Amino acid sequence: MNTYNITHTCEILRDRIYFKRTRKIIDLSEIIMLQASINYTTFFLKNGKKILLARSIKLFETILTEHGFVRTHRAYIVNREHLLRCDETTESVFLTNNLIALISRRRKGNLIQF
């Protein structure tokens, strides 16, 4: 299996994520959620912008879980700061900016504490 180090792509410095290739810096508090689509990850920001990166969501999960993010589904990572409510009937999480992320059955236990 080929292992890949996340520090080649990005790193977190002083509550900001620094993307090395694109030289973008984003405050972690600005990120609402991440959505996976095969080997691409879309970052949804507070200002309504989206950033698409050609990296899998698994790479970002390893560094963002230490900074208040939680994986709710195989395709979603959400920022706890932007979590408005969880709906168990629709198995979804409602976030700021009218964003909705799904909750998988396996990961429901991770969100019970919110």
Protein backbone atom coordinates (compact mmCIF):
# COMPACT_ATOMS: atom_id res chain seq x y z
CA MET A 1 0.00 0.00 0.00
CA ASN A 2 1.29 3.44 -0.90
CA THR A 3 1.32 5.82 2.05
CA TYR A 4 1.14 9.55 1.58
CA ASN A 5 2.16 12.20 4.05
CA ILE A 6 -0.35 15.04 4.45
CA THR A 7 2.46 17.53 5.13
CA HIS A 8 3.34 17.43 1.43
CA THR A 9 -0.08 18.91 0.63
CA CYS A 10 -0.91 21.15 3.56
CA GLU A 11 -0.17 21.88 7.17
CA ILE A 12 -1.84 23.66 10.05
CA LEU A 13 -0.08 26.64 11.57
CA ARG A 14 -1.70 28.83 14.24
CA ASP A 15 -5.30 27.71 13.53
CA ARG A 16 -4.86 28.20 9.80
CA ILE A 17 -4.51 25.61 7.08
CA TYR A 18 -1.76 26.32 4.56
CA PHE A 19 -2.04 24.67 1.13
CA LYS A 20 1.47 24.38 -0.24
CA ARG A 21 0.82 24.00 -3.98
CA THR A 22 -1.73 26.76 -4.33
CA ARG A 23 -0.20 28.86 -1.56
CA LYS A 24 -3.59 29.55 -0.01
CA ILE A 25 -4.10 30.15 3.68
CA ILE A 26 -7.53 29.65 5.26
CA ASP A 27 -8.56 30.11 8.89
CA LEU A 28 -9.98 26.87 10.28
CA SER A 29 -12.94 28.82 11.65
CA GLU A 30 -13.83 29.84 8.06
CA ILE A 31 -14.28 26.21 6.96
CA ILE A 32 -17.85 24.95 7.37
CA MET A 33 -17.49 21.48 5.88
CA LEU A 34 -15.57 19.28 3.49
CA GLN A 35 -17.27 17.09 0.92
CA ALA A 36 -15.61 14.18 -0.88
CA SER A 37 -16.16 13.17 -4.46
CA ILE A 38 -13.98 10.19 -5.36
CA ASN A 39 -10.41 11.56 -5.03
CA TYR A 40 -11.41 15.23 -4.85
CA THR A 41 -12.34 17.25 -1.78
CA THR A 42 -14.42 20.42 -1.80
CA PHE A 43 -14.00 22.91 1.05
CA PHE A 44 -17.12 25.00 1.80
CA LEU A 45 -16.25 28.35 3.37
CA LYS A 46 -18.23 30.87 5.43
CA ASN A 47 -18.13 33.49 2.68
CA GLY A 48 -19.85 31.09 0.26
CA LYS A 49 -16.74 30.18 -1.71
CA LYS A 50 -15.75 26.63 -2.56
CA ILE A 51 -12.22 25.31 -2.96
CA LEU A 52 -11.69 22.07 -4.88
CA LEU A 53 -8.54 20.06 -4.22
CA ALA A 54 -7.36 16.88 -5.92
CA ARG A 55 -6.81 15.02 -2.65
CA SER A 56 -8.95 12.48 -0.84
CA ILE A 57 -10.90 13.47 2.25
CA LYS A 58 -9.03 10.85 4.30
CA LEU A 59 -5.88 12.98 4.17
CA PHE A 60 -7.68 15.96 5.67
CA GLU A 61 -9.45 13.89 8.31
CA THR A 62 -6.16 12.99 9.98
CA ILE A 63 -5.18 16.60 10.68
CA LEU A 64 -8.59 18.27 11.10
CA THR A 65 -10.06 15.98 13.78
CA GLU A 66 -7.60 17.48 16.27
CA HIS A 67 -8.99 20.96 15.53
CA GLY A 68 -12.73 20.57 16.15
CA PHE A 69 -13.82 18.75 12.99
CA VAL A 70 -15.81 15.52 12.98
CA ARG A 71 -16.37 12.96 10.23
CA THR A 72 -20.11 12.36 9.88
CA HIS A 73 -20.14 10.26 6.72
CA ARG A 74 -17.65 8.79 4.28
CA ALA A 75 -18.20 11.89 2.15
CA TYR A 76 -18.41 14.62 4.82
CA ILE A 77 -16.31 16.28 7.51
CA VAL A 78 -17.98 19.13 9.39
CA ASN A 79 -16.72 21.89 11.64
CA ARG A 80 -18.33 21.67 15.10
CA GLU A 81 -18.38 25.47 15.37
CA HIS A 82 -20.84 25.67 12.46
CA LEU A 83 -23.10 22.84 13.59
CA LEU A 84 -26.67 24.08 14.12
CA ARG A 85 -28.60 20.86 14.74
CA CYS A 86 -28.77 17.15 14.03
CA ASP A 87 -31.89 15.51 12.67
CA GLU A 88 -32.10 11.79 13.34
CA THR A 89 -35.14 11.21 11.15
CA THR A 90 -33.44 12.47 7.99
CA GLU A 91 -29.99 11.39 9.24
CA SER A 92 -28.48 14.76 8.44
CA VAL A 93 -26.64 17.64 10.06
CA PHE A 94 -27.65 21.25 9.46
CA LEU A 95 -24.83 23.78 9.25
CA THR A 96 -24.47 27.51 8.74
CA ASN A 97 -24.94 28.90 5.19
CA ASN A 98 -27.83 26.41 4.71
CA LEU A 99 -25.45 23.50 4.17
CA ILE A 100 -26.53 19.96 4.96
CA ALA A 101 -24.29 16.94 5.53
CA LEU A 102 -25.38 13.34 5.91
CA ILE A 103 -24.78 11.18 8.97
CA SER A 104 -23.94 7.54 8.47
CA ARG A 105 -25.37 4.94 10.84
CA ARG A 106 -21.88 4.01 12.00
CA ARG A 107 -20.94 7.56 12.90
CA LYS A 108 -24.12 8.61 14.73
CA GLY A 109 -22.38 7.92 18.03
CA ASN A 110 -19.77 10.59 17.26
CA LEU A 111 -22.48 13.26 17.16
CA ILE A 112 -24.51 12.30 20.22
CA GLN A 113 -22.32 14.51 22.41
CA PHE A 114 -23.32 17.67 20.46
